[in-house]
C-alpha atoms as a PDB file:
ATOM      1  CA  MET A   1      13.790 -80.048 -15.641  1.00  0.00           C
ATOM      2  CA  PHE A   2      15.429 -77.413 -17.811  1.00  0.00           C
ATOM      3  CA  GLY A   3      12.048 -76.073 -18.870  1.00  0.00           C
ATOM      4  CA  PHE A   4      11.131 -75.602 -15.227  1.00  0.00           C
ATOM      5  CA  LEU A   5      14.329 -73.704 -14.496  1.00  0.00           C
ATOM      6  CA  LYS A   6      13.879 -71.501 -17.524  1.00  0.00           C
ATOM      7  CA  LYS A   7      10.354 -70.653 -16.502  1.00  0.00           C
ATOM      8  CA  LYS A   8      11.451 -69.859 -12.967  1.00  0.00           C
ATOM      9  CA  ASN A   9      14.188 -67.493 -14.197  1.00  0.00           C
ATOM     10  CA  LYS A  10      11.729 -65.724 -16.467  1.00  0.00           C
ATOM     11  CA  VAL A  11       9.324 -65.098 -13.593  1.00  0.00           C
ATOM     12  CA  SER A  12      12.180 -63.836 -11.442  1.00  0.00           C
ATOM     13  CA  ALA A  13      13.236 -61.333 -14.098  1.00  0.00           C
ATOM     14  CA  THR A  14       9.641 -60.197 -14.503  1.00  0.00           C
ATOM     15  CA  GLU A  15       9.279 -59.684 -10.778  1.00  0.00           C
ATOM     16  CA  GLU A  16      12.490 -57.701 -10.678  1.00  0.00           C
ATOM     17  CA  LYS A  17      11.279 -55.446 -13.467  1.00  0.00           C
ATOM     18  CA  LYS A  18       7.966 -55.035 -11.688  1.00  0.00           C
ATOM     19  CA  ASN A  19       9.740 -53.966  -8.508  1.00  0.00           C
ATOM     20  CA  VAL A  20      11.563 -51.241 -10.413  1.00  0.00           C
ATOM     21  CA  GLU A  21       8.410 -50.079 -12.152  1.00  0.00           C
ATOM     22  CA  THR A  22       6.455 -49.884  -8.902  1.00  0.00           C
ATOM     23  CA  LYS A  23       8.837 -47.453  -7.217  1.00  0.00           C
ATOM     24  CA  PRO A  24       6.862 -44.406  -6.076  1.00  0.00           C
ATOM     25  CA  PRO A  25       7.200 -41.598  -8.651  1.00  0.00           C
ATOM     26  CA  ILE A  26       8.667 -39.273  -6.030  1.00  0.00           C
ATOM     27  CA  GLN A  27      11.436 -41.797  -5.306  1.00  0.00           C
ATOM     28  CA  VAL A  28      12.283 -42.153  -8.998  1.00  0.00           C
ATOM     29  CA  ALA A  29      12.389 -38.369  -9.396  1.00  0.00           C
ATOM     30  CA  PHE A  30      14.447 -37.931  -6.235  1.00  0.00           C
ATOM     31  CA  GLU A  31      17.059 -40.467  -7.365  1.00  0.00           C
ATOM     32  CA  LYS A  32      17.358 -38.812 -10.782  1.00  0.00           C
ATOM     33  CA  ASN A  33      17.671 -35.428  -9.110  1.00  0.00           C
ATOM     34  CA  LEU A  34      20.561 -36.587  -6.951  1.00  0.00           C
ATOM     35  CA  GLU A  35      22.486 -37.403 -10.129  1.00  0.00           C
ATOM     36  CA  PHE A  36      21.543 -34.028 -11.611  1.00  0.00           C
ATOM     37  CA  LEU A  37      22.948 -32.225  -8.561  1.00  0.00           C
ATOM     38  CA  LYS A  38      26.291 -34.029  -8.863  1.00  0.00           C
ATOM     39  CA  ARG A  39      27.048 -32.397 -12.202  1.00  0.00           C
ATOM     40  CA  ASN A  40      29.593 -29.605 -12.476  1.00  0.00           C
ATOM     41  CA  ALA A  41      27.944 -28.246 -15.588  1.00  0.00           C
ATOM     42  CA  LEU A  42      24.758 -26.311 -16.264  1.00  0.00           C
ATOM     43  CA  ASP A  43      23.471 -25.432 -19.717  1.00  0.00           C
ATOM     44  CA  VAL A  44      21.492 -22.405 -20.812  1.00  0.00           C
ATOM     45  CA  GLU A  45      18.474 -24.486 -21.853  1.00  0.00           C
ATOM     46  CA  THR A  46      18.123 -26.075 -18.407  1.00  0.00           C
ATOM     47  CA  VAL A  47      18.056 -22.676 -16.726  1.00  0.00           C
ATOM     48  CA  ARG A  48      15.632 -21.361 -19.328  1.00  0.00           C
ATOM     49  CA  ASN A  49      13.278 -24.253 -18.567  1.00  0.00           C
ATOM     50  CA  LEU A  50      13.507 -23.647 -14.830  1.00  0.00           C
ATOM     51  CA  PHE A  51      12.614 -19.968 -15.175  1.00  0.00           C
ATOM     52  CA  LYS A  52      10.257 -20.242 -18.167  1.00  0.00           C
ATOM     53  CA  ASN A  53       7.137 -19.094 -16.256  1.00  0.00           C
ATOM     54  CA  GLN A  54       4.634 -21.377 -17.962  1.00  0.00           C
ATOM     55  CA  GLY A  55       2.822 -24.623 -17.274  1.00  0.00           C
ATOM     56  CA  ARG A  56       3.758 -25.882 -13.814  1.00  0.00           C
ATOM     57  CA  MET A  57       6.706 -23.475 -13.529  1.00  0.00           C
ATOM     58  CA  GLU A  58       6.355 -19.970 -12.143  1.00  0.00           C
ATOM     59  CA  THR A  59       9.027 -17.295 -11.676  1.00  0.00           C
ATOM     60  CA  ILE A  60       8.675 -14.747  -8.877  1.00  0.00           C
ATOM     61  CA  ARG A  61      10.811 -11.866  -7.607  1.00  0.00           C
ATOM     62  CA  ILE A  62      10.847 -11.802  -3.814  1.00  0.00           C
ATOM     63  CA  GLY A  63      12.908  -8.719  -2.992  1.00  0.00           C
ATOM     64  CA  MET A  64      16.245  -6.956  -3.244  1.00  0.00           C
ATOM     65  CA  THR A  65      19.501  -8.129  -1.669  1.00  0.00           C
ATOM     66  CA  ASP A  66      22.157  -5.572  -0.720  1.00  0.00           C
ATOM     67  CA  PHE A  67      25.790  -6.010  -1.734  1.00  0.00           C
ATOM     68  CA  PRO A  68      27.800  -3.218  -0.081  1.00  0.00           C
ATOM     69  CA  SER A  69      31.107  -5.001  -0.787  1.00  0.00           C
ATOM     70  CA  GLY A  70      30.209  -6.870  -3.991  1.00  0.00           C
ATOM     71  CA  GLU A  71      31.598 -10.125  -2.606  1.00  0.00           C
ATOM     72  CA  ILE A  72      29.167 -13.039  -2.371  1.00  0.00           C
ATOM     73  CA  VAL A  73      28.541 -15.953  -0.049  1.00  0.00           C
ATOM     74  CA  ILE A  74      25.982 -18.681  -0.746  1.00  0.00           C
ATOM     75  CA  ALA A  75      25.076 -20.643   2.366  1.00  0.00           C
ATOM     76  CA  ASP A  76      22.484 -22.108   4.700  1.00  0.00           C
ATOM     77  CA  PRO A  77      21.562 -18.989   6.726  1.00  0.00           C
ATOM     78  CA  LEU A  78      20.516 -20.835   9.869  1.00  0.00           C
ATOM     79  CA  VAL A  79      23.503 -23.155  10.179  1.00  0.00           C
ATOM     80  CA  TYR A  80      26.529 -21.819   8.300  1.00  0.00           C
ATOM     81  CA  LEU A  81      26.133 -18.170   7.237  1.00  0.00           C
ATOM     82  CA  GLY A  82      28.649 -15.974   9.035  1.00  0.00           C
ATOM     83  CA  ASN A  83      30.852 -18.920  10.008  1.00  0.00           C
ATOM     84  CA  GLU A  84      34.058 -18.504   8.014  1.00  0.00           C
ATOM     85  CA  ARG A  85      35.111 -22.043   8.838  1.00  0.00           C
ATOM     86  CA  TYR A  86      32.244 -23.517   6.828  1.00  0.00           C
ATOM     87  CA  THR A  87      31.587 -20.861   4.170  1.00  0.00           C
ATOM     88  CA  HIS A  88      33.722 -19.008   1.641  1.00  0.00           C
ATOM     89  CA  LEU A  89      33.526 -15.964  -0.582  1.00  0.00           C
ATOM     90  CA  LEU A  90      33.068 -16.720  -4.272  1.00  0.00           C
ATOM     91  CA  ASN A  91      35.700 -16.208  -6.944  1.00  0.00           C
ATOM     92  CA  ARG A  92      33.961 -13.349  -8.747  1.00  0.00           C
ATOM     93  CA  LYS A  93      32.715  -9.980  -7.487  1.00  0.00           C
ATOM     94  CA  ILE A  94      29.753  -7.950  -8.669  1.00  0.00           C
ATOM     95  CA  PRO A  95      29.349  -4.156  -8.699  1.00  0.00           C
ATOM     96  CA  VAL A  96      28.264  -2.711  -5.353  1.00  0.00           C
ATOM     97  CA  GLY A  97      24.488  -2.295  -5.277  1.00  0.00           C
ATOM     98  CA  ALA A  98      21.166  -3.982  -4.601  1.00  0.00           C
ATOM     99  CA  TYR A  99      19.918  -6.756  -6.881  1.00  0.00           C
ATOM    100  CA  PRO A 100      16.674  -8.752  -7.194  1.00  0.00           C
ATOM    101  CA  ILE A 101      16.293 -12.376  -6.178  1.00  0.00           C
ATOM    102  CA  GLU A 102      14.157 -14.616  -8.389  1.00  0.00           C
ATOM    103  CA  LEU A 103      12.771 -18.026  -7.500  1.00  0.00           C
ATOM    104  CA  ALA A 104      11.699 -20.741  -9.947  1.00  0.00           C
ATOM    105  CA  VAL A 105       8.657 -22.297  -8.286  1.00  0.00           C
ATOM    106  CA  CYS A 106       7.625 -25.790  -9.382  1.00  0.00           C
ATOM    107  CA  HIS A 107       3.991 -26.810  -8.884  1.00  0.00           C
ATOM    108  CA  SER A 108       4.705 -30.529  -8.871  1.00  0.00           C
ATOM    109  CA  PRO A 109       1.951 -33.177  -8.806  1.00  0.00           C
ATOM    110  CA  ILE A 110       4.270 -35.503  -6.875  1.00  0.00           C
ATOM    111  CA  ALA A 111       6.332 -33.150  -4.666  1.00  0.00           C
ATOM    112  CA  GLY A 112       3.943 -30.253  -4.121  1.00  0.00           C
ATOM    113  CA  VAL A 113       5.011 -26.625  -4.364  1.00  0.00           C
ATOM    114  CA  ARG A 114       8.796 -26.462  -4.343  1.00  0.00           C
ATOM    115  CA  ILE A 115      11.518 -23.911  -5.088  1.00  0.00           C
ATOM    116  CA  ALA A 116      13.380 -25.544  -7.955  1.00  0.00           C
ATOM    117  CA  ALA A 117      16.043 -22.857  -8.339  1.00  0.00           C
ATOM    118  CA  ALA A 118      17.087 -19.430  -7.099  1.00  0.00           C
ATOM    119  CA  ARG A 119      18.717 -16.661  -9.102  1.00  0.00           C
ATOM    120  CA  LEU A 120      20.512 -13.440  -8.247  1.00  0.00           C
ATOM    121  CA  LYS A 121      19.996 -11.099 -11.218  1.00  0.00           C
ATOM    122  CA  VAL A 122      22.884  -8.709 -11.816  1.00  0.00           C
ATOM    123  CA  ARG A 123      22.381  -7.714 -15.469  1.00  0.00           C
ATOM    124  CA  GLU A 124      19.352  -8.008 -17.729  1.00  0.00           C
ATOM    125  CA  GLU A 125      21.388  -9.491 -20.556  1.00  0.00           C
ATOM    126  CA  ASP A 126      21.490 -12.816 -22.364  1.00  0.00           C
ATOM    127  CA  VAL A 127      23.604 -15.492 -20.710  1.00  0.00           C
ATOM    128  CA  CYS A 128      25.974 -17.296 -23.074  1.00  0.00           C
ATOM    129  CA  ARG A 129      27.253 -19.921 -20.668  1.00  0.00           C
ATOM    130  CA  TYR A 130      27.278 -21.068 -17.052  1.00  0.00           C
ATOM    131  CA  GLU A 131      30.347 -21.754 -14.954  1.00  0.00           C
ATOM    132  CA  VAL A 132      30.671 -23.226 -11.464  1.00  0.00           C
ATOM    133  CA  ALA A 133      31.035 -20.553  -8.777  1.00  0.00           C
ATOM    134  CA  MET A 134      34.357 -21.436  -7.163  1.00  0.00           C
ATOM    135  CA  PRO A 135      35.823 -20.346  -3.813  1.00  0.00           C
ATOM    136  CA  LYS A 136      37.715 -17.043  -3.839  1.00  0.00           C
ATOM    137  CA  GLY A 137      41.353 -17.538  -4.823  1.00  0.00           C
ATOM    138  CA  THR A 138      40.631 -20.552  -7.034  1.00  0.00           C
ATOM    139  CA  THR A 139      39.742 -21.004 -10.689  1.00  0.00           C
ATOM    140  CA  ILE A 140      37.438 -23.376 -12.539  1.00  0.00           C
ATOM    141  CA  GLU A 141      40.499 -25.393 -13.610  1.00  0.00           C
ATOM    142  CA  GLN A 142      40.949 -26.431  -9.960  1.00  0.00           C
ATOM    143  CA  ILE A 143      37.472 -27.858  -9.523  1.00  0.00           C
ATOM    144  CA  ASN A 144      38.624 -31.474  -9.168  1.00  0.00           C
ATOM    145  CA  GLU A 145      41.661 -30.779  -6.997  1.00  0.00           C
ATOM    146  CA  PRO A 146      41.723 -32.282  -3.471  1.00  0.00           C
ATOM    147  CA  GLY A 147      40.602 -29.842  -0.802  1.00  0.00           C
ATOM    148  CA  ILE A 148      38.728 -27.564  -3.231  1.00  0.00           C
ATOM    149  CA  LEU A 149      35.031 -27.503  -2.341  1.00  0.00           C
ATOM    150  CA  ALA A 150      32.850 -25.828  -4.959  1.00  0.00           C
ATOM    151  CA  GLY A 151      29.398 -25.692  -3.407  1.00  0.00           C
ATOM    152  CA  PHE A 152      27.715 -25.462  -0.026  1.00  0.00           C
ATOM    153  CA  GLY A 153      25.925 -27.672   2.440  1.00  0.00           C
ATOM    154  CA  VAL A 154      22.356 -27.225   3.658  1.00  0.00           C
ATOM    155  CA  ASP A 155      21.281 -28.680   6.992  1.00  0.00           C
ATOM    156  CA  ALA A 156      18.254 -26.529   7.843  1.00  0.00           C
ATOM    157  CA  GLY A 157      16.450 -26.659   4.497  1.00  0.00           C
ATOM    158  CA  LEU A 158      17.289 -23.041   3.627  1.00  0.00           C
ATOM    159  CA  ALA A 159      19.748 -21.203   1.393  1.00  0.00           C
ATOM    160  CA  CYS A 160      20.637 -17.606   0.578  1.00  0.00           C
ATOM    161  CA  PHE A 161      22.752 -15.240  -1.471  1.00  0.00           C
ATOM    162  CA  CYS A 162      24.506 -12.816   0.881  1.00  0.00           C
ATOM    163  CA  ASP A 163      27.144 -10.121   0.674  1.00  0.00           C
ATOM    164  CA  GLY A 164      30.357 -11.029   2.479  1.00  0.00           C
ATOM    165  CA  ALA A 165      30.176  -7.957   4.721  1.00  0.00           C
ATOM    166  CA  VAL A 166      26.484  -8.513   5.465  1.00  0.00           C
ATOM    167  CA  ALA A 167      27.281 -12.103   6.454  1.00  0.00           C
ATOM    168  CA  GLY A 168      29.496 -10.643   9.174  1.00  0.00           C
ATOM    169  CA  GLU A 169      26.687  -8.351  10.305  1.00  0.00           C
ATOM    170  CA  TYR A 170      24.326 -11.300  10.400  1.00  0.00           C
ATOM    171  CA  ASP A 171      26.792 -13.282  12.514  1.00  0.00           C
ATOM    172  CA  THR A 172      26.913 -10.390  15.000  1.00  0.00           C
ATOM    173  CA  PHE A 173      23.099 -10.310  15.118  1.00  0.00           C
ATOM    174  CA  GLN A 174      22.658 -14.013  15.720  1.00  0.00           C
ATOM    175  CA  SER A 175      25.461 -14.171  18.284  1.00  0.00           C
ATOM    176  CA  LYS A 176      23.813 -11.393  20.293  1.00  0.00           C
ATOM    177  CA  TRP A 177      20.391 -13.010  19.903  1.00  0.00           C
ATOM    178  CA  HIS A 178      21.667 -16.315  21.288  1.00  0.00           C
ATOM    179  CA  GLN A 179      23.497 -14.600  24.147  1.00  0.00           C
ATOM    180  CA  GLU A 180      20.263 -12.926  25.211  1.00  0.00           C
ATOM    181  CA  ARG A 181      18.240 -16.146  24.755  1.00  0.00           C
ATOM    182  CA  PRO A 182      20.564 -19.079  25.549  1.00  0.00           C
ATOM    183  CA  GLU A 183      17.663 -21.534  25.426  1.00  0.00           C
ATOM    184  CA  GLY A 184      16.109 -20.027  22.324  1.00  0.00           C
ATOM    185  CA  ASN A 185      15.802 -21.385  18.798  1.00  0.00           C
ATOM    186  CA  LEU A 186      16.507 -18.747  16.158  1.00  0.00           C
ATOM    187  CA  TYR A 187      14.097 -20.211  13.630  1.00  0.00           C
ATOM    188  CA  ASP A 188      11.235 -21.204  15.942  1.00  0.00           C
ATOM    189  CA  ASP A 189      11.430 -18.107  18.131  1.00  0.00           C
ATOM    190  CA  TYR A 190      12.281 -15.474  15.540  1.00  0.00           C
ATOM    191  CA  PHE A 191      12.169 -16.368  11.853  1.00  0.00           C
ATOM    192  CA  ALA A 192       9.135 -18.696  11.851  1.00  0.00           C
ATOM    193  CA  GLU A 193       6.765 -15.767  12.320  1.00  0.00           C
ATOM    194  CA  LEU A 194       8.322 -13.914   9.387  1.00  0.00           C
ATOM    195  CA  PHE A 195       8.045 -16.984   7.133  1.00  0.00           C
ATOM    196  CA  ALA A 196       4.408 -17.399   8.189  1.00  0.00           C
ATOM    197  CA  GLU A 197       3.722 -13.772   7.232  1.00  0.00           C
ATOM    198  CA  SER A 198       5.333 -14.426   3.848  1.00  0.00           C
ATOM    199  CA  TYR A 199       2.977 -17.351   3.310  1.00  0.00           C
ATOM    200  CA  GLN A 200      -0.022 -15.164   4.086  1.00  0.00           C
ATOM    201  CA  GLU A 201       1.136 -12.691   1.428  1.00  0.00           C
ATOM    202  CA  TRP A 202       2.148 -15.295  -1.214  1.00  0.00           C
ATOM    203  CA  PRO A 203       0.099 -18.460  -0.489  1.00  0.00           C
ATOM    204  CA  GLN A 204       0.018 -19.720  -4.087  1.00  0.00           C
ATOM    205  CA  VAL A 205       3.783 -20.078  -4.482  1.00  0.00           C
ATOM    206  CA  GLN A 206       4.970 -21.637  -1.237  1.00  0.00           C
ATOM    207  CA  ARG A 207       4.097 -24.273   1.311  1.00  0.00           C
ATOM    208  CA  GLU A 208       2.109 -23.501   4.432  1.00  0.00           C
ATOM    209  CA  GLY A 209       4.451 -22.000   7.005  1.00  0.00           C
ATOM    210  CA  GLY A 210       6.403 -20.135   4.332  1.00  0.00           C
ATOM    211  CA  ASP A 211       9.336 -20.919   2.052  1.00  0.00           C
ATOM    212  CA  PHE A 212      10.992 -17.516   1.630  1.00  0.00           C
ATOM    213  CA  ILE A 213      11.506 -14.092   3.175  1.00  0.00           C
ATOM    214  CA  THR A 214      13.461 -10.912   2.466  1.00  0.00           C
ATOM    215  CA  TRP A 215      14.785  -9.615   5.761  1.00  0.00           C
ATOM    216  CA  GLU A 216      16.838  -6.662   6.983  1.00  0.00           C
ATOM    217  CA  VAL A 217      19.604  -7.370   9.478  1.00  0.00           C
ATOM    218  CA  PRO A 218      18.528  -5.177  12.426  1.00  0.00           C
ATOM    219  CA  GLY A 219      20.407  -1.908  12.743  1.00  0.00           C
ATOM    220  CA  THR A 220      22.339  -2.259   9.470  1.00  0.00           C
ATOM    221  CA  GLY A 221      20.033  -1.159   6.645  1.00  0.00           C
ATOM    222  CA  HIS A 222      21.153  -4.250   4.703  1.00  0.00           C
ATOM    223  CA  SER A 223      18.731  -6.917   3.496  1.00  0.00           C
ATOM    224  CA  PHE A 224      18.989 -10.375   2.010  1.00  0.00           C
ATOM    225  CA  SER A 225      16.593 -13.173   1.099  1.00  0.00           C
ATOM    226  CA  MET A 226      16.301 -16.662   2.566  1.00  0.00           C
ATOM    227  CA  PHE A 227      14.524 -19.430   0.667  1.00  0.00           C
ATOM    228  CA  ALA A 228      13.806 -23.147   0.901  1.00  0.00           C
ATOM    229  CA  SER A 229      16.317 -25.392  -0.862  1.00  0.00           C
ATOM    230  CA  GLY A 230      14.156 -27.499  -3.154  1.00  0.00           C
ATOM    231  CA  LEU A 231      13.547 -30.857  -1.487  1.00  0.00           C
ATOM    232  CA  GLY A 232      15.512 -29.915   1.625  1.00  0.00           C
ATOM    233  CA  ASP A 233      18.971 -30.658   2.998  1.00  0.00           C
ATOM    234  CA  GLY A 234      21.857 -31.601   0.740  1.00  0.00           C
ATOM    235  CA  PHE A 235      24.869 -30.240  -1.101  1.00  0.00           C
ATOM    236  CA  TYR A 236      24.270 -27.627  -3.788  1.00  0.00           C
ATOM    237  CA  THR A 237      26.342 -25.704  -6.323  1.00  0.00           C
ATOM    238  CA  GLY A 238      26.147 -22.138  -7.554  1.00  0.00           C
ATOM    239  CA  PHE A 239      26.721 -21.244 -11.211  1.00  0.00           C
ATOM    240  CA  TRP A 240      27.766 -17.907 -12.686  1.00  0.00           C
ATOM    241  CA  GLY A 241      25.738 -16.894 -15.729  1.00  0.00           C
ATOM    242  CA  LEU A 242      28.151 -15.055 -18.029  1.00  0.00           C
ATOM    243  CA  ASN A 243      27.619 -12.924 -21.135  1.00  0.00           C
ATOM    244  CA  SER A 244      29.769 -12.805 -24.264  1.00  0.00           C
ATOM    245  CA  GLU A 245      32.199 -10.430 -22.492  1.00  0.00           C
ATOM    246  CA  ASP A 246      32.609 -12.880 -19.582  1.00  0.00           C
ATOM    247  CA  GLU A 247      30.723 -10.503 -17.286  1.00  0.00           C
ATOM    248  CA  VAL A 248      28.405 -11.774 -14.553  1.00  0.00           C
ATOM    249  CA  CYS A 249      24.738 -11.507 -15.500  1.00  0.00           C
ATOM    250  CA  GLU A 250      23.414 -13.761 -12.741  1.00  0.00           C
ATOM    251  CA  LEU A 251      24.217 -16.352 -10.123  1.00  0.00           C
ATOM    252  CA  VAL A 252      21.994 -19.446 -10.126  1.00  0.00           C
ATOM    253  CA  ILE A 253      21.503 -22.233  -7.585  1.00  0.00           C
ATOM    254  CA  PRO A 254      19.606 -25.197  -9.080  1.00  0.00           C
ATOM    255  CA  PHE A 255      17.901 -27.367  -6.462  1.00  0.00           C
ATOM    256  CA  MET A 256      15.767 -29.541  -8.728  1.00  0.00           C
ATOM    257  CA  ASN A 257      15.529 -30.504 -12.368  1.00  0.00           C
ATOM    258  CA  SER A 258      11.853 -29.670 -12.734  1.00  0.00           C
ATOM    259  CA  GLU A 259      11.402 -32.085 -15.658  1.00  0.00           C
ATOM    260  CA  TYR A 260      11.698 -35.015 -13.232  1.00  0.00           C
ATOM    261  CA  PHE A 261       8.881 -33.719 -11.048  1.00  0.00           C
ATOM    262  CA  ILE A 262       6.250 -32.580 -13.539  1.00  0.00           C
END
């Protein structure tokens, strides 16, 4: 009798192990990535691997973003950008100017072509460390305090770096657009065509339909880039890349740990 029970338990354990091993690779990678995104730390080596431009990783520059005030918002441009209730300025400013946006594109055998990370380049200098980009008026020491939200939500599969003043201009644009087209859909009826044109220009580094654009807010002379947020909707964190003088060299948003997907 005891031999029978022992044998039965052994088979049960084997079946359980088999169930774990037979998870689709994309599910395993996705679950690992969720844990990666929960971290409040980012090391230099991880960013270097994301933007290393070799193997299945490719780094591209997609355009310049204008910062007439030097204050920064990171947000979902279709759902939250321009809404002060759901977005906040970041705790550091950058010099007024226009800066390039870089995307780390992952050519994954299990997830397809995906934007693994985005980077706003401010200085072409070596980064010594990364620090969570906190809301304006807070410090990194407050990261675990109740009511302090370091990060941003994505509900339309897109993200952006935007100047605080330009975010206001964008809000004016979209409010007027919706007033003139109360039944319209801003993405389907306006932006989709621009993303499709981007795909035609850069088909090797984005999915059909387009994953990124650099766009000028009409009538302002100010541009910013929109880009797909890795695997889609979720909660993401920005990280300041700082040099030895504690100056901002870049601002990075990691969407995926590419090692899980390649």
